[in-house]
Amino acid sequence: MADPGGERLATSYDLLMFDLDGVVYLDGRAVEHAAESIAESRAAGAHIAFITNNASRTPEQVSEHLRELGVGADAQDVVTSSQAAARLLRDHHGIGARVAVLGADGLLEALREAGLVPVPVGDADAVAIVSGYAPEVRWKTIMRAAVEIRNGLPWVATNTDPTLPTGEGPAPGHGALVTMISRFAGVRPEVAGKPERPLFDETLRRVGGERPLMVGDSLHTDIAGAHHADTDSLLVMTGVTALSDLVAARPDQRPTWVGHDLRALGRPGCAATEHDGGWRATGWSARVEDGRLVVDGAGDPDGWWAVVGAAGWAHLDARGETVDVSALSAPGPDAEAG
């Protein structure tokens, strides 16, 4: 793990890249402590970017929604998978290329911003097709796109997220459509969004930074993407990742840091250390007994997540099986050292 040297995470890095769904907001409502934590990080000198795989909205729409939730944000602070996809398409086909669009306004605007010409699916002069989340797209348009992809039209997908977080639980995301078209056409798209690198590269290109930290809630997109981009990461437990998911994470899906919520940015990164067959951090200790994870002690919740993750991963690497966490309950978000 990276060592922040006692400095709080918000100032240990020169760019904080926040995922949105499950980190800043959930089902359109602000995640608790998100707005004040981001404001405190900005006030401490951190540069802020909001990066999202959601390709349906424009940066202006995203930043307006963030401001409505009390999060300070301008359009230039927002980088979307649509913008990363448009960059890929311009690099491949050049300015002025006609690109068929299976998507919403955010994707259309990103293409125009990049100097490309968005056209309807079925346009005979299209040199490529790009797809993004757009629940209003009609089935006959999807069928036409799938046939054209099968027949050889180059395809870029903004993301392959299998789910979207909502207040009622995960719902199907754009990745479900990508999987369906891929199986029909026998083709995998080039992917712009997390966990692939283009969105990270586009963020650094637009916002700048040499020591970025990815802040996300998904092991499969945010954390795996940080690994692909050689970037440290903070996983917050306010979105799609459950305790059982954390301890089952593969090495390329393990975060540098784990925090209960975004208040972890105001503290030094909490790293667990191995001790006497177990793991310790900030008053907590964890060990595996007969395949079950046992946690003792008291302290802040970030430390609890740190020892649980470290102990679970060590067991998985040594035994090839996921530790049993069914008897565990995470401490409350406002737990304090005892």
C-alpha atoms as a PDB file:
ATOM      1  CA  MET A   1       0.000   0.000   0.000  1.00  0.00           C
ATOM      2  CA  ALA A   2       1.073   3.571  -0.577  1.00  0.00           C
ATOM      3  CA  ASP A   3       2.250   5.460   2.487  1.00  0.00           C
ATOM      4  CA  PRO A   4       0.718   8.925   3.029  1.00  0.00           C
ATOM      5  CA  GLY A   5       3.261   9.570   5.800  1.00  0.00           C
ATOM      6  CA  GLY A   6       0.655  10.734   8.310  1.00  0.00           C
ATOM      7  CA  GLU A   7      -0.756  13.297   5.882  1.00  0.00           C
ATOM      8  CA  ARG A   8      -4.469  13.125   5.185  1.00  0.00           C
ATOM      9  CA  LEU A   9      -5.434  11.452   1.948  1.00  0.00           C
ATOM     10  CA  ALA A  10      -6.965  14.605   0.466  1.00  0.00           C
ATOM     11  CA  THR A  11      -3.559  16.299   0.369  1.00  0.00           C
ATOM     12  CA  SER A  12      -1.366  13.232  -0.224  1.00  0.00           C
ATOM     13  CA  TYR A  13      -2.406  13.331  -3.885  1.00  0.00           C
ATOM     14  CA  ASP A  14      -2.583  16.246  -6.326  1.00  0.00           C
ATOM     15  CA  LEU A  15      -5.814  15.101  -8.002  1.00  0.00           C
ATOM     16  CA  LEU A  16      -8.848  13.377  -6.508  1.00  0.00           C
ATOM     17  CA  MET A  17     -10.969  11.623  -9.148  1.00  0.00           C
ATOM     18  CA  PHE A  18     -14.447  10.909  -7.781  1.00  0.00           C
ATOM     19  CA  ASP A  19     -16.828   8.378  -9.231  1.00  0.00           C
ATOM     20  CA  LEU A  20     -20.393   9.650  -8.889  1.00  0.00           C
ATOM     21  CA  ASP A  21     -23.007   6.900  -8.475  1.00  0.00           C
ATOM     22  CA  GLY A  22     -22.571   5.333  -5.054  1.00  0.00           C
ATOM     23  CA  VAL A  23     -19.864   7.796  -3.999  1.00  0.00           C
ATOM     24  CA  VAL A  24     -21.262  11.338  -4.308  1.00  0.00           C
ATOM     25  CA  TYR A  25     -24.916  10.514  -4.896  1.00  0.00           C
ATOM     26  CA  LEU A  26     -27.189   7.499  -4.964  1.00  0.00           C
ATOM     27  CA  ASP A  27     -30.438   7.426  -6.936  1.00  0.00           C
ATOM     28  CA  GLY A  28     -30.175  11.195  -7.378  1.00  0.00           C
ATOM     29  CA  ARG A  29     -29.711  11.978  -3.681  1.00  0.00           C
ATOM     30  CA  ALA A  30     -26.483  13.033  -1.983  1.00  0.00           C
ATOM     31  CA  VAL A  31     -24.557  10.368  -0.106  1.00  0.00           C
ATOM     32  CA  GLU A  32     -24.190  11.354   3.542  1.00  0.00           C
ATOM     33  CA  HIS A  33     -21.000  13.342   4.279  1.00  0.00           C
ATOM     34  CA  ALA A  34     -20.092  13.550   0.572  1.00  0.00           C
ATOM     35  CA  ALA A  35     -20.615  17.288  -0.020  1.00  0.00           C
ATOM     36  CA  GLU A  36     -18.763  18.453   3.077  1.00  0.00           C
ATOM     37  CA  SER A  37     -15.902  15.977   2.552  1.00  0.00           C
ATOM     38  CA  ILE A  38     -15.362  17.150  -1.018  1.00  0.00           C
ATOM     39  CA  ALA A  39     -15.546  20.804   0.050  1.00  0.00           C
ATOM     40  CA  GLU A  40     -12.987  20.206   2.803  1.00  0.00           C
ATOM     41  CA  SER A  41     -10.680  18.419   0.371  1.00  0.00           C
ATOM     42  CA  ARG A  42     -10.910  21.303  -2.096  1.00  0.00           C
ATOM     43  CA  ALA A  43     -10.290  23.849   0.656  1.00  0.00           C
ATOM     44  CA  ALA A  44      -7.173  21.915   1.653  1.00  0.00           C
ATOM     45  CA  GLY A  45      -5.803  22.428  -1.854  1.00  0.00           C
ATOM     46  CA  ALA A  46      -6.801  19.206  -3.629  1.00  0.00           C
ATOM     47  CA  HIS A  47      -7.728  19.391  -7.294  1.00  0.00           C
ATOM     48  CA  ILE A  48     -11.091  17.733  -7.918  1.00  0.00           C
ATOM     49  CA  ALA A  49     -12.478  15.837 -10.898  1.00  0.00           C
ATOM     50  CA  PHE A  50     -15.757  13.960 -11.159  1.00  0.00           C
ATOM     51  CA  ILE A  51     -15.419  11.056 -13.570  1.00  0.00           C
ATOM     52  CA  THR A  52     -18.300   8.899 -14.608  1.00  0.00           C
ATOM     53  CA  ASN A  53     -19.073   5.956 -16.851  1.00  0.00           C
ATOM     54  CA  ASN A  54     -22.609   7.284 -17.265  1.00  0.00           C
ATOM     55  CA  ALA A  55     -22.695   8.476 -20.855  1.00  0.00           C
ATOM     56  CA  SER A  56     -26.253   9.803 -20.972  1.00  0.00           C
ATOM     57  CA  ARG A  57     -25.735  13.264 -19.443  1.00  0.00           C
ATOM     58  CA  THR A  58     -23.556  16.204 -20.446  1.00  0.00           C
ATOM     59  CA  PRO A  59     -20.908  17.671 -18.103  1.00  0.00           C
ATOM     60  CA  GLU A  60     -23.158  20.733 -17.696  1.00  0.00           C
ATOM     61  CA  GLN A  61     -26.074  18.553 -16.601  1.00  0.00           C
ATOM     62  CA  VAL A  62     -23.875  16.603 -14.191  1.00  0.00           C
ATOM     63  CA  SER A  63     -22.329  19.705 -12.628  1.00  0.00           C
ATOM     64  CA  GLU A  64     -25.756  21.342 -12.263  1.00  0.00           C
ATOM     65  CA  HIS A  65     -27.030  18.268 -10.437  1.00  0.00           C
ATOM     66  CA  LEU A  66     -23.965  18.268  -8.181  1.00  0.00           C
ATOM     67  CA  ARG A  67     -24.530  21.909  -7.263  1.00  0.00           C
ATOM     68  CA  GLU A  68     -28.165  21.119  -6.441  1.00  0.00           C
ATOM     69  CA  LEU A  69     -26.838  18.553  -3.960  1.00  0.00           C
ATOM     70  CA  GLY A  70     -24.502  21.084  -2.376  1.00  0.00           C
ATOM     71  CA  VAL A  71     -21.343  19.876  -4.130  1.00  0.00           C
ATOM     72  CA  GLY A  72     -19.276  22.628  -5.716  1.00  0.00           C
ATOM     73  CA  ALA A  73     -18.663  21.690  -9.354  1.00  0.00           C
ATOM     74  CA  ASP A  74     -18.266  23.332 -12.736  1.00  0.00           C
ATOM     75  CA  ALA A  75     -18.677  21.619 -16.101  1.00  0.00           C
ATOM     76  CA  GLN A  76     -14.899  21.505 -16.601  1.00  0.00           C
ATOM     77  CA  ASP A  77     -14.594  19.450 -13.400  1.00  0.00           C
ATOM     78  CA  VAL A  78     -16.655  16.641 -14.961  1.00  0.00           C
ATOM     79  CA  VAL A  79     -15.149  14.064 -17.319  1.00  0.00           C
ATOM     80  CA  THR A  80     -17.400  11.423 -18.836  1.00  0.00           C
ATOM     81  CA  SER A  81     -16.928   8.147 -20.665  1.00  0.00           C
ATOM     82  CA  SER A  82     -18.609   9.846 -23.637  1.00  0.00           C
ATOM     83  CA  GLN A  83     -15.722  12.312 -23.842  1.00  0.00           C
ATOM     84  CA  ALA A  84     -13.199   9.480 -23.592  1.00  0.00           C
ATOM     85  CA  ALA A  85     -15.045   7.555 -26.325  1.00  0.00           C
ATOM     86  CA  ALA A  86     -15.093  10.632 -28.565  1.00  0.00           C
ATOM     87  CA  ARG A  87     -11.328  11.014 -28.123  1.00  0.00           C
ATOM     88  CA  LEU A  88     -10.793   7.390 -29.178  1.00  0.00           C
ATOM     89  CA  LEU A  89     -12.990   7.826 -32.244  1.00  0.00           C
ATOM     90  CA  ARG A  90     -11.286  11.061 -33.303  1.00  0.00           C
ATOM     91  CA  ASP A  91      -7.857   9.461 -32.890  1.00  0.00           C
ATOM     92  CA  HIS A  92      -8.952   6.490 -35.011  1.00  0.00           C
ATOM     93  CA  HIS A  93     -10.975   8.241 -37.721  1.00  0.00           C
ATOM     94  CA  GLY A  94     -10.043  11.930 -37.677  1.00  0.00           C
ATOM     95  CA  ILE A  95     -11.956  15.181 -37.286  1.00  0.00           C
ATOM     96  CA  GLY A  96     -15.149  15.298 -39.326  1.00  0.00           C
ATOM     97  CA  ALA A  97     -15.751  11.539 -39.266  1.00  0.00           C
ATOM     98  CA  ARG A  98     -19.405  10.464 -39.258  1.00  0.00           C
ATOM     99  CA  VAL A  99     -20.192   8.252 -36.263  1.00  0.00           C
ATOM    100  CA  ALA A 100     -23.466   6.379 -35.725  1.00  0.00           C
ATOM    101  CA  VAL A 101     -24.799   6.918 -32.214  1.00  0.00           C
ATOM    102  CA  LEU A 102     -26.653   4.463 -30.012  1.00  0.00           C
ATOM    103  CA  GLY A 103     -26.946   6.766 -27.032  1.00  0.00           C
ATOM    104  CA  ALA A 104     -28.239   9.945 -25.427  1.00  0.00           C
ATOM    105  CA  ASP A 105     -27.487  13.687 -25.320  1.00  0.00           C
ATOM    106  CA  GLY A 106     -24.252  13.359 -23.378  1.00  0.00           C
ATOM    107  CA  LEU A 107     -22.768  11.188 -26.102  1.00  0.00           C
ATOM    108  CA  LEU A 108     -23.988  13.429 -28.916  1.00  0.00           C
ATOM    109  CA  GLU A 109     -22.458  16.523 -27.311  1.00  0.00           C
ATOM    110  CA  ALA A 110     -19.137  14.791 -26.660  1.00  0.00           C
ATOM    111  CA  LEU A 111     -18.845  13.763 -30.303  1.00  0.00           C
ATOM    112  CA  ARG A 112     -19.576  17.287 -31.522  1.00  0.00           C
ATOM    113  CA  GLU A 113     -17.104  18.755 -29.011  1.00  0.00           C
ATOM    114  CA  ALA A 114     -14.427  16.427 -30.437  1.00  0.00           C
ATOM    115  CA  GLY A 115     -15.142  17.594 -34.001  1.00  0.00           C
ATOM    116  CA  LEU A 116     -17.007  14.460 -35.059  1.00  0.00           C
ATOM    117  CA  VAL A 117     -20.373  14.279 -36.818  1.00  0.00           C
ATOM    118  CA  PRO A 118     -22.996  12.171 -34.986  1.00  0.00           C
ATOM    119  CA  VAL A 119     -25.450  10.425 -37.318  1.00  0.00           C
ATOM    120  CA  PRO A 120     -28.336   7.992 -36.778  1.00  0.00           C
ATOM    121  CA  VAL A 121     -27.769   4.254 -36.704  1.00  0.00           C
ATOM    122  CA  GLY A 122     -28.131   3.080 -40.294  1.00  0.00           C
ATOM    123  CA  ASP A 123     -26.374   6.060 -41.922  1.00  0.00           C
ATOM    124  CA  ALA A 124     -24.573   4.647 -44.968  1.00  0.00           C
ATOM    125  CA  ASP A 125     -21.550   6.952 -44.522  1.00  0.00           C
ATOM    126  CA  ALA A 126     -20.863   6.154 -40.857  1.00  0.00           C
ATOM    127  CA  VAL A 127     -17.285   4.952 -40.283  1.00  0.00           C
ATOM    128  CA  ALA A 128     -17.964   3.633 -36.770  1.00  0.00           C
ATOM    129  CA  ILE A 129     -20.668   3.197 -34.154  1.00  0.00           C
ATOM    130  CA  VAL A 130     -20.583   4.265 -30.511  1.00  0.00           C
ATOM    131  CA  SER A 131     -22.924   3.091 -27.769  1.00  0.00           C
ATOM    132  CA  GLY A 132     -23.787   4.426 -24.336  1.00  0.00           C
ATOM    133  CA  TYR A 133     -26.463   4.202 -21.667  1.00  0.00           C
ATOM    134  CA  ALA A 134     -29.765   5.473 -23.092  1.00  0.00           C
ATOM    135  CA  PRO A 135     -32.914   3.782 -21.765  1.00  0.00           C
ATOM    136  CA  GLU A 136     -35.139   5.531 -24.323  1.00  0.00           C
ATOM    137  CA  VAL A 137     -33.443   3.890 -27.344  1.00  0.00           C
ATOM    138  CA  ARG A 138     -35.933   1.742 -29.279  1.00  0.00           C
ATOM    139  CA  TRP A 139     -35.465  -1.971 -29.813  1.00  0.00           C
ATOM    140  CA  LYS A 140     -35.442  -1.697 -33.621  1.00  0.00           C
ATOM    141  CA  THR A 141     -32.491   0.719 -33.379  1.00  0.00           C
ATOM    142  CA  ILE A 142     -30.606  -1.728 -31.186  1.00  0.00           C
ATOM    143  CA  MET A 143     -31.302  -4.509 -33.715  1.00  0.00           C
ATOM    144  CA  ARG A 144     -30.021  -2.375 -36.593  1.00  0.00           C
ATOM    145  CA  ALA A 145     -26.869  -1.484 -34.652  1.00  0.00           C
ATOM    146  CA  ALA A 146     -26.200  -5.127 -33.773  1.00  0.00           C
ATOM    147  CA  VAL A 147     -26.483  -6.184 -37.411  1.00  0.00           C
ATOM    148  CA  GLU A 148     -24.132  -3.419 -38.565  1.00  0.00           C
ATOM    149  CA  ILE A 149     -21.585  -4.360 -35.904  1.00  0.00           C
ATOM    150  CA  ARG A 150     -21.832  -8.003 -36.955  1.00  0.00           C
ATOM    151  CA  ASN A 151     -21.234  -6.890 -40.534  1.00  0.00           C
ATOM    152  CA  GLY A 152     -17.980  -5.167 -39.601  1.00  0.00           C
ATOM    153  CA  LEU A 153     -18.721  -1.578 -38.498  1.00  0.00           C
ATOM    154  CA  PRO A 154     -16.086  -0.623 -35.838  1.00  0.00           C
ATOM    155  CA  TRP A 155     -17.655  -0.291 -32.380  1.00  0.00           C
ATOM    156  CA  VAL A 156     -16.690   1.790 -29.359  1.00  0.00           C
ATOM    157  CA  ALA A 157     -18.645   1.382 -26.104  1.00  0.00           C
ATOM    158  CA  THR A 158     -18.597   4.082 -23.461  1.00  0.00           C
ATOM    159  CA  ASN A 159     -18.605   1.451 -20.699  1.00  0.00           C
ATOM    160  CA  THR A 160     -19.464  -2.126 -19.849  1.00  0.00           C
ATOM    161  CA  ASP A 161     -21.023  -1.548 -16.425  1.00  0.00           C
ATOM    162  CA  PRO A 162     -23.323  -4.529 -15.765  1.00  0.00           C
ATOM    163  CA  THR A 163     -25.379  -2.585 -13.221  1.00  0.00           C
ATOM    164  CA  LEU A 164     -26.362   0.894 -12.114  1.00  0.00           C
ATOM    165  CA  PRO A 165     -26.886   1.657  -8.406  1.00  0.00           C
ATOM    166  CA  THR A 166     -30.378   2.872  -7.471  1.00  0.00           C
ATOM    167  CA  GLY A 167     -32.233   3.476  -4.245  1.00  0.00           C
ATOM    168  CA  GLU A 168     -33.950   0.093  -4.742  1.00  0.00           C
ATOM    169  CA  GLY A 169     -30.706  -1.763  -5.437  1.00  0.00           C
ATOM    170  CA  PRO A 170     -28.643  -2.466  -8.578  1.00  0.00           C
ATOM    171  CA  ALA A 171     -30.409  -2.204 -11.953  1.00  0.00           C
ATOM    172  CA  PRO A 172     -29.177  -3.322 -15.409  1.00  0.00           C
ATOM    173  CA  GLY A 173     -26.580  -0.970 -16.888  1.00  0.00           C
ATOM    174  CA  HIS A 174     -25.154  -0.389 -20.349  1.00  0.00           C
ATOM    175  CA  GLY A 175     -22.992  -3.484 -19.949  1.00  0.00           C
ATOM    176  CA  ALA A 176     -26.087  -5.660 -20.265  1.00  0.00           C
ATOM    177  CA  LEU A 177     -26.667  -4.235 -23.754  1.00  0.00           C
ATOM    178  CA  VAL A 178     -22.992  -4.604 -24.650  1.00  0.00           C
ATOM    179  CA  THR A 179     -23.058  -8.254 -23.634  1.00  0.00           C
ATOM    180  CA  MET A 180     -26.174  -8.927 -25.702  1.00  0.00           C
ATOM    181  CA  ILE A 181     -24.814  -7.264 -28.853  1.00  0.00           C
ATOM    182  CA  SER A 182     -21.396  -8.877 -28.392  1.00  0.00           C
ATOM    183  CA  ARG A 183     -22.906 -12.345 -28.195  1.00  0.00           C
ATOM    184  CA  PHE A 184     -25.043 -11.739 -31.261  1.00  0.00           C
ATOM    185  CA  ALA A 185     -22.320 -10.115 -33.369  1.00  0.00           C
ATOM    186  CA  GLY A 186     -19.328 -12.105 -32.122  1.00  0.00           C
ATOM    187  CA  VAL A 187     -17.501  -8.817 -31.533  1.00  0.00           C
ATOM    188  CA  ARG A 188     -16.136  -7.091 -28.450  1.00  0.00           C
ATOM    189  CA  PRO A 189     -16.099  -3.271 -28.534  1.00  0.00           C
ATOM    190  CA  GLU A 190     -13.226  -0.991 -27.702  1.00  0.00           C
ATOM    191  CA  VAL A 191     -14.190   0.376 -24.277  1.00  0.00           C
ATOM    192  CA  ALA A 192     -13.616   3.978 -23.202  1.00  0.00           C
ATOM    193  CA  GLY A 193     -14.832   3.955 -19.596  1.00  0.00           C
ATOM    194  CA  LYS A 194     -13.650   2.313 -16.412  1.00  0.00           C
ATOM    195  CA  PRO A 195     -12.068  -0.165 -15.890  1.00  0.00           C
ATOM    196  CA  GLU A 196     -10.172   0.648 -19.093  1.00  0.00           C
ATOM    197  CA  ARG A 197      -7.578   3.422 -19.291  1.00  0.00           C
ATOM    198  CA  PRO A 198      -9.075   5.962 -21.741  1.00  0.00           C
ATOM    199  CA  LEU A 199     -11.289   7.708 -19.163  1.00  0.00           C
ATOM    200  CA  PHE A 200      -8.354   8.060 -16.743  1.00  0.00           C
ATOM    201  CA  ASP A 201      -6.114   9.376 -19.509  1.00  0.00           C
ATOM    202  CA  GLU A 202      -8.801  11.828 -20.622  1.00  0.00           C
ATOM    203  CA  THR A 203      -9.193  13.098 -17.048  1.00  0.00           C
ATOM    204  CA  LEU A 204      -5.471  13.741 -16.655  1.00  0.00           C
ATOM    205  CA  ARG A 205      -5.424  15.432 -20.056  1.00  0.00           C
ATOM    206  CA  ARG A 206      -8.294  17.770 -19.130  1.00  0.00           C
ATOM    207  CA  VAL A 207      -7.686  18.404 -15.418  1.00  0.00           C
ATOM    208  CA  GLY A 208      -3.982  17.667 -14.912  1.00  0.00           C
ATOM    209  CA  GLY A 209      -2.172  15.922 -12.095  1.00  0.00           C
ATOM    210  CA  GLU A 210       0.805  13.673 -11.491  1.00  0.00           C
ATOM    211  CA  ARG A 211      -0.305  11.840  -8.323  1.00  0.00           C
ATOM    212  CA  PRO A 212      -4.005  11.065  -8.804  1.00  0.00           C
ATOM    213  CA  LEU A 213      -6.213   9.093  -6.425  1.00  0.00           C
ATOM    214  CA  MET A 214      -9.278   7.276  -7.749  1.00  0.00           C
ATOM    215  CA  VAL A 215     -12.189   7.385  -5.282  1.00  0.00           C
ATOM    216  CA  GLY A 216     -14.922   4.868  -6.038  1.00  0.00           C
ATOM    217  CA  ASP A 217     -17.384   2.312  -4.766  1.00  0.00           C
ATOM    218  CA  SER A 218     -16.975  -0.473  -7.345  1.00  0.00           C
ATOM    219  CA  LEU A 219     -14.209  -3.072  -7.330  1.00  0.00           C
ATOM    220  CA  HIS A 220     -14.929  -4.036 -10.934  1.00  0.00           C
ATOM    221  CA  THR A 221     -14.822  -0.553 -12.481  1.00  0.00           C
ATOM    222  CA  ASP A 222     -13.268   2.060 -10.178  1.00  0.00           C
ATOM    223  CA  ILE A 223     -10.653  -0.049  -8.421  1.00  0.00           C
ATOM    224  CA  ALA A 224      -9.782  -2.342 -11.329  1.00  0.00           C
ATOM    225  CA  GLY A 225      -9.560   0.778 -13.503  1.00  0.00           C
ATOM    226  CA  ALA A 226      -7.143   2.392 -11.068  1.00  0.00           C
ATOM    227  CA  HIS A 227      -4.930  -0.695 -11.345  1.00  0.00           C
ATOM    228  CA  HIS A 228      -5.021  -0.483 -15.153  1.00  0.00           C
ATOM    229  CA  ALA A 229      -4.042   3.188 -14.947  1.00  0.00           C
ATOM    230  CA  ASP A 230      -1.285   2.581 -12.338  1.00  0.00           C
ATOM    231  CA  THR A 231      -3.170   4.815  -9.915  1.00  0.00           C
ATOM    232  CA  ASP A 232      -3.787   4.529  -6.167  1.00  0.00           C
ATOM    233  CA  SER A 233      -7.403   4.121  -5.094  1.00  0.00           C
ATOM    234  CA  LEU A 234      -9.792   4.642  -2.198  1.00  0.00           C
ATOM    235  CA  LEU A 235     -12.807   2.340  -1.973  1.00  0.00           C
ATOM    236  CA  VAL A 236     -15.757   3.765  -0.042  1.00  0.00           C
ATOM    237  CA  MET A 237     -18.422   1.421   1.264  1.00  0.00           C
ATOM    238  CA  THR A 238     -21.403   3.613   0.378  1.00  0.00           C
ATOM    239  CA  GLY A 239     -22.299   2.027  -2.966  1.00  0.00           C
ATOM    240  CA  VAL A 240     -22.332  -1.363  -4.654  1.00  0.00           C
ATOM    241  CA  THR A 241     -19.533  -3.202  -2.803  1.00  0.00           C
ATOM    242  CA  ALA A 242     -20.590  -5.493   0.029  1.00  0.00           C
ATOM    243  CA  LEU A 243     -18.373  -7.004   2.727  1.00  0.00           C
ATOM    244  CA  SER A 244     -18.469 -10.374   0.957  1.00  0.00           C
ATOM    245  CA  ASP A 245     -17.333  -8.698  -2.281  1.00  0.00           C
ATOM    246  CA  LEU A 246     -14.401  -6.993  -0.569  1.00  0.00           C
ATOM    247  CA  VAL A 247     -12.851 -10.158   0.891  1.00  0.00           C
ATOM    248  CA  ALA A 248     -13.317 -11.991  -2.436  1.00  0.00           C
ATOM    249  CA  ALA A 249     -11.511  -9.326  -4.487  1.00  0.00           C
ATOM    250  CA  ARG A 250      -8.804 -10.469  -6.887  1.00  0.00           C
ATOM    251  CA  PRO A 251      -5.400  -8.751  -6.603  1.00  0.00           C
ATOM    252  CA  ASP A 252      -6.231  -6.441  -9.514  1.00  0.00           C
ATOM    253  CA  GLN A 253      -9.441  -5.337  -7.779  1.00  0.00           C
ATOM    254  CA  ARG A 254      -7.974  -4.513  -4.364  1.00  0.00           C
ATOM    255  CA  PRO A 255      -7.937  -0.850  -3.329  1.00  0.00           C
ATOM    256  CA  THR A 256      -4.960   0.963  -1.880  1.00  0.00           C
ATOM    257  CA  TRP A 257      -7.197   2.293   0.888  1.00  0.00           C
ATOM    258  CA  VAL A 258     -10.690   1.486   2.221  1.00  0.00           C
ATOM    259  CA  GLY A 259     -12.949   4.017   3.896  1.00  0.00           C
ATOM    260  CA  HIS A 260     -16.416   3.735   5.357  1.00  0.00           C
ATOM    261  CA  ASP A 261     -17.363   6.943   3.521  1.00  0.00           C
ATOM    262  CA  LEU A 262     -15.714  10.049   2.054  1.00  0.00           C
ATOM    263  CA  ARG A 263     -14.689  11.335   5.477  1.00  0.00           C
ATOM    264  CA  ALA A 264     -11.709   8.994   5.053  1.00  0.00           C
ATOM    265  CA  LEU A 265     -10.193  11.724   2.844  1.00  0.00           C
ATOM    266  CA  GLY A 266      -9.764  13.915   5.916  1.00  0.00           C
ATOM    267  CA  ARG A 267      -7.611  11.309   7.657  1.00  0.00           C
ATOM    268  CA  PRO A 268      -4.324   9.572   6.804  1.00  0.00           C
ATOM    269  CA  GLY A 269      -4.790   6.389   4.818  1.00  0.00           C
ATOM    270  CA  CYS A 270      -5.387   3.475   7.162  1.00  0.00           C
ATOM    271  CA  ALA A 271      -3.162   0.470   6.390  1.00  0.00           C
ATOM    272  CA  ALA A 272      -3.377  -2.862   8.217  1.00  0.00           C
ATOM    273  CA  THR A 273      -0.168  -4.524   9.389  1.00  0.00           C
ATOM    274  CA  GLU A 274       0.410  -8.234   9.871  1.00  0.00           C
ATOM    275  CA  HIS A 275       0.963  -9.292  13.477  1.00  0.00           C
ATOM    276  CA  ASP A 276       1.099 -12.691  15.166  1.00  0.00           C
ATOM    277  CA  GLY A 277      -0.906 -14.497  12.491  1.00  0.00           C
ATOM    278  CA  GLY A 278      -3.481 -11.723  12.134  1.00  0.00           C
ATOM    279  CA  TRP A 279      -3.844  -8.118  11.069  1.00  0.00           C
ATOM    280  CA  ARG A 280      -4.078  -4.864  13.049  1.00  0.00           C
ATOM    281  CA  ALA A 281      -5.110  -1.262  12.390  1.00  0.00           C
ATOM    282  CA  THR A 282      -6.264   1.624  14.627  1.00  0.00           C
ATOM    283  CA  GLY A 283      -7.521  -0.484  17.524  1.00  0.00           C
ATOM    284  CA  TRP A 284      -8.885  -3.383  15.465  1.00  0.00           C
ATOM    285  CA  SER A 285      -7.457  -6.861  14.951  1.00  0.00           C
ATOM    286  CA  ALA A 286      -8.606  -9.575  12.547  1.00  0.00           C
ATOM    287  CA  ARG A 287      -7.730 -13.240  12.184  1.00  0.00           C
ATOM    288  CA  VAL A 288      -9.139 -16.328  10.498  1.00  0.00           C
ATOM    289  CA  GLU A 289     -10.345 -19.232  12.656  1.00  0.00           C
ATOM    290  CA  ASP A 290     -11.633 -22.391  10.965  1.00  0.00           C
ATOM    291  CA  GLY A 291     -12.350 -20.487   7.777  1.00  0.00           C
ATOM    292  CA  ARG A 292     -14.266 -17.700   9.560  1.00  0.00           C
ATOM    293  CA  LEU A 293     -13.069 -14.126   9.890  1.00  0.00           C
ATOM    294  CA  VAL A 294     -13.012 -12.897  13.488  1.00  0.00           C
ATOM    295  CA  VAL A 295     -12.582  -9.210  14.324  1.00  0.00           C
ATOM    296  CA  ASP A 296     -11.907  -7.793  17.800  1.00  0.00           C
ATOM    297  CA  GLY A 297     -11.274  -4.348  19.234  1.00  0.00           C
ATOM    298  CA  ALA A 298     -12.660  -0.860  18.767  1.00  0.00           C
ATOM    299  CA  GLY A 299     -11.756   2.134  16.682  1.00  0.00           C
ATOM    300  CA  ASP A 300     -12.783   4.132  13.657  1.00  0.00           C
ATOM    301  CA  PRO A 301     -14.631   2.242  10.910  1.00  0.00           C
ATOM    302  CA  ASP A 302     -11.872   2.777   8.332  1.00  0.00           C
ATOM    303  CA  GLY A 303      -9.572   0.635  10.457  1.00  0.00           C
ATOM    304  CA  TRP A 304     -12.202  -2.095  10.674  1.00  0.00           C
ATOM    305  CA  TRP A 305     -12.481  -2.221   6.893  1.00  0.00           C
ATOM    306  CA  ALA A 306      -8.676  -2.187   6.560  1.00  0.00           C
ATOM    307  CA  VAL A 307      -8.132  -5.257   8.762  1.00  0.00           C
ATOM    308  CA  VAL A 308     -11.072  -7.126   7.253  1.00  0.00           C
ATOM    309  CA  GLY A 309      -9.761  -6.543   3.742  1.00  0.00           C
ATOM    310  CA  ALA A 310      -6.166  -7.463   4.580  1.00  0.00           C
ATOM    311  CA  ALA A 311      -7.105 -10.629   6.472  1.00  0.00           C
ATOM    312  CA  GLY A 312      -9.591 -11.714   3.821  1.00  0.00           C
ATOM    313  CA  TRP A 313      -7.139 -11.219   0.955  1.00  0.00           C
ATOM    314  CA  ALA A 314      -4.325 -13.038   2.777  1.00  0.00           C
ATOM    315  CA  HIS A 315      -6.636 -16.001   3.353  1.00  0.00           C
ATOM    316  CA  LEU A 316      -7.809 -16.001  -0.259  1.00  0.00           C
ATOM    317  CA  ASP A 317      -4.245 -15.897  -1.586  1.00  0.00           C
ATOM    318  CA  ALA A 318      -3.033 -18.654   0.753  1.00  0.00           C
ATOM    319  CA  ARG A 319      -6.021 -21.016   0.581  1.00  0.00           C
ATOM    320  CA  GLY A 320      -7.685 -20.187  -2.725  1.00  0.00           C
ATOM    321  CA  GLU A 321     -11.062 -19.775  -1.026  1.00  0.00           C
ATOM    322  CA  THR A 322     -13.040 -16.841   0.298  1.00  0.00           C
ATOM    323  CA  VAL A 323     -13.191 -16.436   4.053  1.00  0.00           C
ATOM    324  CA  ASP A 324     -16.574 -16.714   5.778  1.00  0.00           C
ATOM    325  CA  VAL A 325     -17.786 -13.259   6.867  1.00  0.00           C
ATOM    326  CA  SER A 326     -21.415 -14.180   7.541  1.00  0.00           C
ATOM    327  CA  ALA A 327     -21.106 -13.507  11.281  1.00  0.00           C
ATOM    328  CA  LEU A 328     -19.577 -10.040  10.896  1.00  0.00           C
ATOM    329  CA  SER A 329     -21.262  -6.662  11.068  1.00  0.00           C
ATOM    330  CA  ALA A 330     -19.411  -3.456  10.248  1.00  0.00           C
ATOM    331  CA  PRO A 331     -19.226  -0.796  12.971  1.00  0.00           C
ATOM    332  CA  GLY A 332     -21.385   2.275  12.615  1.00  0.00           C
ATOM    333  CA  PRO A 333     -19.988   5.149  10.536  1.00  0.00           C
ATOM    334  CA  ASP A 334     -19.482   7.314  13.631  1.00  0.00           C
ATOM    335  CA  ALA A 335     -17.655   4.708  15.716  1.00  0.00           C
ATOM    336  CA  GLU A 336     -14.714   6.073  17.700  1.00  0.00           C
ATOM    337  CA  ALA A 337     -11.686   4.510  19.256  1.00  0.00           C
ATOM    338  CA  GLY A 338     -12.440   2.931  22.559  1.00  0.00           C
END
